[in-house]
Every structure is written in structure tokens, then in C-alpha cells.
Amino acid sequence: MAYLIKIFKVNGEATFAFPIIALIFAVRFEKSIMANHKSAEKRIRANETKRVRNRYQAKTTRTQIKKLNATTKKDEAQALLKEVSSMIDKLAKKNIIHWKKAANQKSQLTKRVNALA
């Protein structure tokens, strides 16, 4: 699955909107890049693309964690826990979050779900 990032120009500066799921992953930069080599310019573009995608995935996971914490029904919470645990593992695998933080979050969420009546 790829993402399309919409870039809006505000006061001459490029600003990013949240990534939108799309068929093609495309990023267009409006800012001038201060690099001396073509490969350095490409690396800057690739790093920005990855940064925006990582922020989107991390934010989506945090939203799901909040949704899980707000759930009061055990059946719903268990189903959501499986999904959230998978999302946390993916973030840890890509080093977006530390693996120990991922383990702590999953442990804490599992305790909370098990405590539901």
C-alpha cells in the first residue's frame, strides 16, 4: 500500500498535509534543496518521504491505542488489542519506536484488556 502526500504552498513555504492512501506514492517538493550532488538531493527527498510516512504510521498507531484505552467491552478490546499489537510490532521492526518501548506498550495494553470485566 502506498501513500500520496498532498503539499500545499502557504506564504511561499511548502507545508504537508497528512498522507492519503492512494495507488501511487508521489512526493513533490516546492522548496529548493541545498545539496551539491544529484545523489544527495535524491537522498534528501527520500528521507523526507520516509519521515512523513513514519510520522503518519506512528500517529495512526497512537490513535488506535487511545481507542483501545477508551473501550469498555472486553470482546471489542481483545479484537482491537490484536490489531494494535501488530501495529506496534511493525513500528518497532522499522525502528520508528524502540523495541523495549513496544514491549512495554503491549504489556500495558494487555494488562488493561485482561482487567476488563
N, C-alpha and C. Protein backbone atom coordinates (compact mmCIF):
# COMPACT_ATOMS: atom_id res chain seq x y z
N MET A 1 0.85 -1.17 0.00
CA MET A 1 0.00 0.00 0.00
C MET A 1 0.90 1.24 0.00
N ALA A 2 0.55 2.19 -0.80
CA ALA A 2 1.37 3.40 -0.89
C ALA A 2 0.55 4.60 -0.41
N TYR A 3 1.23 5.71 -0.27
CA TYR A 3 0.60 6.91 0.23
C TYR A 3 0.84 8.06 -0.73
N LEU A 4 -0.11 8.95 -0.81
CA LEU A 4 0.05 10.16 -1.60
C LEU A 4 0.06 11.31 -0.62
N ILE A 5 1.09 12.13 -0.69
CA ILE A 5 1.22 13.24 0.24
C ILE A 5 0.85 14.51 -0.50
N LYS A 6 -0.14 15.21 -0.01
CA LYS A 6 -0.54 16.46 -0.62
C LYS A 6 0.30 17.58 -0.04
N ILE A 7 0.85 18.40 -0.90
CA ILE A 7 1.67 19.52 -0.46
C ILE A 7 0.97 20.81 -0.86
N PHE A 8 0.79 21.68 0.10
CA PHE A 8 0.16 22.95 -0.14
C PHE A 8 1.19 24.05 0.04
N LYS A 9 1.09 25.08 -0.75
CA LYS A 9 2.01 26.19 -0.64
C LYS A 9 1.33 27.30 0.14
N VAL A 10 1.91 27.65 1.30
CA VAL A 10 1.36 28.70 2.14
C VAL A 10 2.45 29.73 2.37
N ASN A 11 2.21 30.97 1.95
CA ASN A 11 3.19 32.05 2.08
C ASN A 11 4.54 31.67 1.49
N GLY A 12 4.53 31.01 0.35
CA GLY A 12 5.76 30.64 -0.32
C GLY A 12 6.47 29.44 0.28
N GLU A 13 5.95 28.85 1.36
CA GLU A 13 6.57 27.70 2.01
C GLU A 13 5.72 26.46 1.74
N ALA A 14 6.38 25.34 1.50
CA ALA A 14 5.66 24.09 1.28
C ALA A 14 5.27 23.50 2.63
N THR A 15 4.00 23.16 2.79
CA THR A 15 3.55 22.52 4.02
C THR A 15 2.87 21.21 3.64
N PHE A 16 3.00 20.21 4.51
CA PHE A 16 2.48 18.88 4.22
C PHE A 16 1.15 18.64 4.92
N ALA A 17 0.26 17.99 4.22
CA ALA A 17 -0.98 17.51 4.83
C ALA A 17 -0.73 16.05 5.21
N PHE A 18 -1.62 15.46 5.97
CA PHE A 18 -1.46 14.05 6.33
C PHE A 18 -1.50 13.21 5.06
N PRO A 19 -0.71 12.15 5.01
CA PRO A 19 -0.71 11.27 3.83
C PRO A 19 -2.09 10.66 3.61
N ILE A 20 -2.44 10.49 2.37
CA ILE A 20 -3.72 9.91 2.00
C ILE A 20 -3.42 8.61 1.25
N ILE A 21 -4.14 7.55 1.60
CA ILE A 21 -3.91 6.27 0.94
C ILE A 21 -4.27 6.42 -0.54
N ALA A 22 -3.35 5.98 -1.39
CA ALA A 22 -3.56 6.09 -2.83
C ALA A 22 -2.82 4.96 -3.53
N LEU A 23 -2.94 4.89 -4.83
CA LEU A 23 -2.28 3.84 -5.58
C LEU A 23 -0.82 4.15 -5.84
N ILE A 24 -0.49 5.41 -5.90
CA ILE A 24 0.86 5.82 -6.24
C ILE A 24 1.44 6.64 -5.11
N PHE A 25 2.71 6.41 -4.80
CA PHE A 25 3.38 7.18 -3.77
C PHE A 25 4.19 8.25 -4.48
N ALA A 26 3.77 9.50 -4.34
CA ALA A 26 4.44 10.58 -5.05
C ALA A 26 4.66 11.75 -4.12
N VAL A 27 5.84 12.31 -4.18
CA VAL A 27 6.15 13.48 -3.37
C VAL A 27 6.78 14.52 -4.29
N ARG A 28 6.30 15.72 -4.20
CA ARG A 28 6.85 16.81 -4.99
C ARG A 28 7.26 17.91 -4.03
N PHE A 29 8.48 18.37 -4.10
CA PHE A 29 8.96 19.38 -3.19
C PHE A 29 8.99 20.74 -3.86
N GLU A 30 8.48 21.71 -3.16
CA GLU A 30 8.46 23.08 -3.65
C GLU A 30 9.70 23.84 -3.19
N LYS A 31 10.34 23.38 -2.10
CA LYS A 31 11.49 24.08 -1.54
C LYS A 31 12.73 23.79 -2.38
N SER A 32 13.66 24.73 -2.39
CA SER A 32 14.94 24.47 -3.04
C SER A 32 15.81 23.67 -2.09
N ILE A 33 16.56 22.75 -2.62
CA ILE A 33 17.38 21.86 -1.81
C ILE A 33 18.83 22.32 -1.90
N MET A 34 19.48 22.44 -0.75
CA MET A 34 20.87 22.87 -0.71
C MET A 34 21.79 21.65 -0.71
N ALA A 35 21.94 21.00 -1.85
CA ALA A 35 22.82 19.86 -1.96
C ALA A 35 23.73 20.05 -3.18
N ASN A 36 24.92 19.52 -3.09
CA ASN A 36 25.89 19.70 -4.17
C ASN A 36 25.88 18.57 -5.19
N HIS A 37 25.28 17.44 -4.85
CA HIS A 37 25.28 16.30 -5.75
C HIS A 37 23.85 15.82 -6.00
N LYS A 38 23.68 15.24 -7.16
CA LYS A 38 22.37 14.73 -7.53
C LYS A 38 21.92 13.63 -6.56
N SER A 39 22.85 12.76 -6.15
CA SER A 39 22.50 11.67 -5.23
C SER A 39 22.13 12.22 -3.85
N ALA A 40 22.75 13.34 -3.44
CA ALA A 40 22.43 13.95 -2.15
C ALA A 40 21.02 14.54 -2.19
N GLU A 41 20.66 15.14 -3.33
CA GLU A 41 19.30 15.68 -3.49
C GLU A 41 18.28 14.55 -3.41
N LYS A 42 18.58 13.43 -4.05
CA LYS A 42 17.68 12.28 -4.03
C LYS A 42 17.54 11.73 -2.61
N ARG A 43 18.67 11.67 -1.88
CA ARG A 43 18.64 11.18 -0.51
C ARG A 43 17.79 12.08 0.37
N ILE A 44 17.88 13.40 0.17
CA ILE A 44 17.07 14.36 0.94
C ILE A 44 15.58 14.12 0.67
N ARG A 45 15.24 13.93 -0.61
CA ARG A 45 13.84 13.66 -0.97
C ARG A 45 13.36 12.35 -0.36
N ALA A 46 14.18 11.32 -0.44
CA ALA A 46 13.79 10.00 0.09
C ALA A 46 13.63 10.06 1.61
N ASN A 47 14.55 10.76 2.28
CA ASN A 47 14.46 10.88 3.75
C ASN A 47 13.19 11.61 4.16
N GLU A 48 12.83 12.64 3.45
CA GLU A 48 11.61 13.40 3.77
C GLU A 48 10.38 12.52 3.56
N THR A 49 10.39 11.76 2.48
CA THR A 49 9.27 10.85 2.20
C THR A 49 9.11 9.84 3.33
N LYS A 50 10.22 9.24 3.75
CA LYS A 50 10.18 8.25 4.82
C LYS A 50 9.76 8.88 6.15
N ARG A 51 10.25 10.10 6.41
CA ARG A 51 9.90 10.78 7.66
C ARG A 51 8.40 11.01 7.75
N VAL A 52 7.82 11.50 6.67
CA VAL A 52 6.38 11.77 6.67
C VAL A 52 5.58 10.47 6.82
N ARG A 53 6.01 9.42 6.13
CA ARG A 53 5.32 8.13 6.22
C ARG A 53 5.43 7.57 7.64
N ASN A 54 6.62 7.65 8.24
CA ASN A 54 6.81 7.15 9.61
C ASN A 54 5.95 7.92 10.61
N ARG A 55 5.87 9.23 10.47
CA ARG A 55 5.04 10.05 11.37
C ARG A 55 3.58 9.64 11.22
N TYR A 56 3.14 9.41 9.99
CA TYR A 56 1.76 9.02 9.73
C TYR A 56 1.44 7.68 10.41
N GLN A 57 2.34 6.70 10.24
CA GLN A 57 2.11 5.37 10.82
C GLN A 57 2.14 5.43 12.35
N ALA A 58 3.05 6.21 12.91
CA ALA A 58 3.13 6.34 14.37
C ALA A 58 1.88 7.02 14.92
N LYS A 59 1.41 8.04 14.25
CA LYS A 59 0.22 8.77 14.69
C LYS A 59 -1.02 7.87 14.61
N THR A 60 -1.11 7.10 13.54
CA THR A 60 -2.24 6.18 13.38
C THR A 60 -2.25 5.15 14.50
N THR A 61 -1.08 4.65 14.85
CA THR A 61 -0.98 3.67 15.94
C THR A 61 -1.38 4.30 17.27
N ARG A 62 -0.91 5.52 17.53
CA ARG A 62 -1.28 6.19 18.79
C ARG A 62 -2.79 6.40 18.87
N THR A 63 -3.41 6.72 17.75
CA THR A 63 -4.87 6.91 17.73
C THR A 63 -5.58 5.60 18.07
N GLN A 64 -5.08 4.49 17.52
CA GLN A 64 -5.68 3.18 17.81
C GLN A 64 -5.49 2.80 19.28
N ILE A 65 -4.34 3.16 19.86
CA ILE A 65 -4.08 2.89 21.28
C ILE A 65 -5.08 3.66 22.14
N LYS A 66 -5.34 4.91 21.79
CA LYS A 66 -6.32 5.71 22.54
C LYS A 66 -7.71 5.10 22.42
N LYS A 67 -8.03 4.61 21.23
CA LYS A 67 -9.33 3.97 21.00
C LYS A 67 -9.44 2.71 21.86
N LEU A 68 -8.36 1.93 21.95
CA LEU A 68 -8.35 0.72 22.78
C LEU A 68 -8.50 1.07 24.25
N ASN A 69 -7.84 2.12 24.71
CA ASN A 69 -7.94 2.53 26.11
C ASN A 69 -9.35 3.00 26.47
N ALA A 70 -10.06 3.54 25.49
CA ALA A 70 -11.41 4.04 25.73
C ALA A 70 -12.46 2.92 25.70
N THR A 71 -12.10 1.77 25.15
CA THR A 71 -13.04 0.66 25.03
C THR A 71 -13.35 0.05 26.40
N THR A 72 -14.64 -0.23 26.63
CA THR A 72 -15.05 -0.82 27.91
C THR A 72 -15.52 -2.26 27.76
N LYS A 73 -15.81 -2.71 26.54
CA LYS A 73 -16.26 -4.09 26.31
C LYS A 73 -15.05 -4.97 26.03
N LYS A 74 -14.97 -6.10 26.74
CA LYS A 74 -13.81 -6.97 26.65
C LYS A 74 -13.66 -7.59 25.25
N ASP A 75 -14.77 -7.99 24.64
CA ASP A 75 -14.70 -8.62 23.31
C ASP A 75 -14.10 -7.66 22.28
N GLU A 76 -14.60 -6.42 22.29
CA GLU A 76 -14.09 -5.42 21.35
C GLU A 76 -12.62 -5.13 21.65
N ALA A 77 -12.30 -5.03 22.93
CA ALA A 77 -10.93 -4.71 23.34
C ALA A 77 -9.95 -5.80 22.90
N GLN A 78 -10.34 -7.06 23.02
CA GLN A 78 -9.46 -8.15 22.61
C GLN A 78 -9.21 -8.13 21.11
N ALA A 79 -10.24 -7.85 20.34
CA ALA A 79 -10.08 -7.77 18.89
C ALA A 79 -9.17 -6.60 18.51
N LEU A 80 -9.38 -5.48 19.19
CA LEU A 80 -8.58 -4.29 18.91
C LEU A 80 -7.14 -4.47 19.39
N LEU A 81 -6.96 -5.21 20.48
CA LEU A 81 -5.61 -5.44 21.02
C LEU A 81 -4.75 -6.19 20.01
N LYS A 82 -5.33 -7.16 19.34
CA LYS A 82 -4.59 -7.93 18.34
C LYS A 82 -4.11 -7.01 17.22
N GLU A 83 -4.98 -6.14 16.76
CA GLU A 83 -4.65 -5.20 15.69
C GLU A 83 -3.58 -4.20 16.15
N VAL A 84 -3.75 -3.65 17.34
CA VAL A 84 -2.82 -2.65 17.86
C VAL A 84 -1.45 -3.27 18.13
N SER A 85 -1.42 -4.48 18.65
CA SER A 85 -0.14 -5.16 18.90
C SER A 85 0.64 -5.35 17.61
N SER A 86 -0.07 -5.69 16.56
CA SER A 86 0.56 -5.85 15.25
C SER A 86 1.14 -4.52 14.76
N MET A 87 0.38 -3.45 14.94
CA MET A 87 0.84 -2.12 14.52
C MET A 87 2.09 -1.71 15.30
N ILE A 88 2.08 -1.97 16.61
CA ILE A 88 3.23 -1.62 17.46
C ILE A 88 4.46 -2.43 17.04
N ASP A 89 4.27 -3.72 16.74
CA ASP A 89 5.37 -4.56 16.30
C ASP A 89 5.98 -4.05 14.99
N LYS A 90 5.14 -3.59 14.09
CA LYS A 90 5.63 -3.07 12.81
C LYS A 90 6.46 -1.80 13.03
N LEU A 91 6.01 -0.93 13.94
CA LEU A 91 6.78 0.28 14.24
C LEU A 91 8.13 -0.08 14.84
N ALA A 92 8.17 -1.07 15.72
CA ALA A 92 9.43 -1.49 16.34
C ALA A 92 10.35 -2.14 15.31
N LYS A 93 9.77 -2.91 14.42
CA LYS A 93 10.56 -3.59 13.39
C LYS A 93 11.27 -2.58 12.49
N LYS A 94 10.60 -1.48 12.21
CA LYS A 94 11.18 -0.44 11.34
C LYS A 94 11.98 0.60 12.12
N ASN A 95 12.16 0.36 13.43
CA ASN A 95 12.90 1.28 14.32
C ASN A 95 12.28 2.67 14.38
N ILE A 96 10.98 2.75 14.21
CA ILE A 96 10.28 4.02 14.40
C ILE A 96 10.14 4.27 15.90
N ILE A 97 9.90 3.20 16.65
CA ILE A 97 9.94 3.27 18.11
C ILE A 97 10.92 2.19 18.59
N HIS A 98 11.44 2.37 19.80
CA HIS A 98 12.39 1.40 20.36
C HIS A 98 11.66 0.10 20.68
N TRP A 99 12.36 -1.02 20.53
CA TRP A 99 11.72 -2.32 20.76
C TRP A 99 11.30 -2.52 22.20
N LYS A 100 12.01 -1.90 23.14
CA LYS A 100 11.61 -2.03 24.55
C LYS A 100 10.36 -1.21 24.83
N LYS A 101 10.23 -0.06 24.16
CA LYS A 101 9.01 0.74 24.31
C LYS A 101 7.82 -0.05 23.76
N ALA A 102 8.04 -0.72 22.64
CA ALA A 102 6.97 -1.53 22.05
C ALA A 102 6.54 -2.63 23.01
N ALA A 103 7.51 -3.30 23.62
CA ALA A 103 7.20 -4.37 24.57
C ALA A 103 6.44 -3.83 25.77
N ASN A 104 6.86 -2.68 26.28
CA ASN A 104 6.18 -2.08 27.43
C ASN A 104 4.75 -1.69 27.09
N GLN A 105 4.56 -1.09 25.91
CA GLN A 105 3.21 -0.69 25.49
C GLN A 105 2.29 -1.90 25.36
N LYS A 106 2.78 -2.94 24.71
CA LYS A 106 1.96 -4.14 24.52
C LYS A 106 1.61 -4.78 25.86
N SER A 107 2.57 -4.82 26.77
CA SER A 107 2.33 -5.39 28.10
C SER A 107 1.27 -4.59 28.85
N GLN A 108 1.40 -3.28 28.80
CA GLN A 108 0.47 -2.40 29.50
C GLN A 108 -0.94 -2.54 28.92
N LEU A 109 -1.04 -2.59 27.61
CA LEU A 109 -2.35 -2.72 26.95
C LEU A 109 -2.98 -4.09 27.26
N THR A 110 -2.16 -5.13 27.25
CA THR A 110 -2.67 -6.47 27.55
C THR A 110 -3.21 -6.55 28.97
N LYS A 111 -2.48 -5.94 29.91
CA LYS A 111 -2.94 -5.89 31.31
C LYS A 111 -4.29 -5.20 31.40
N ARG A 112 -4.42 -4.09 30.70
CA ARG A 112 -5.65 -3.29 30.74
C ARG A 112 -6.82 -4.09 30.16
N VAL A 113 -6.58 -4.78 29.05
CA VAL A 113 -7.65 -5.59 28.43
C VAL A 113 -8.04 -6.75 29.33
N ASN A 114 -7.07 -7.40 29.94
CA ASN A 114 -7.36 -8.53 30.83
C ASN A 114 -8.11 -8.10 32.09
N ALA A 115 -7.92 -6.85 32.49
CA ALA A 115 -8.60 -6.36 33.69
C ALA A 115 -10.07 -6.00 33.43
N LEU A 116 -10.46 -5.89 32.16
CA LEU A 116 -11.85 -5.58 31.83
C LEU A 116 -12.76 -6.76 32.23
N ALA A 117 -13.94 -6.42 32.71
CA ALA A 117 -14.88 -7.46 33.15
C ALA A 117 -15.73 -7.95 31.99
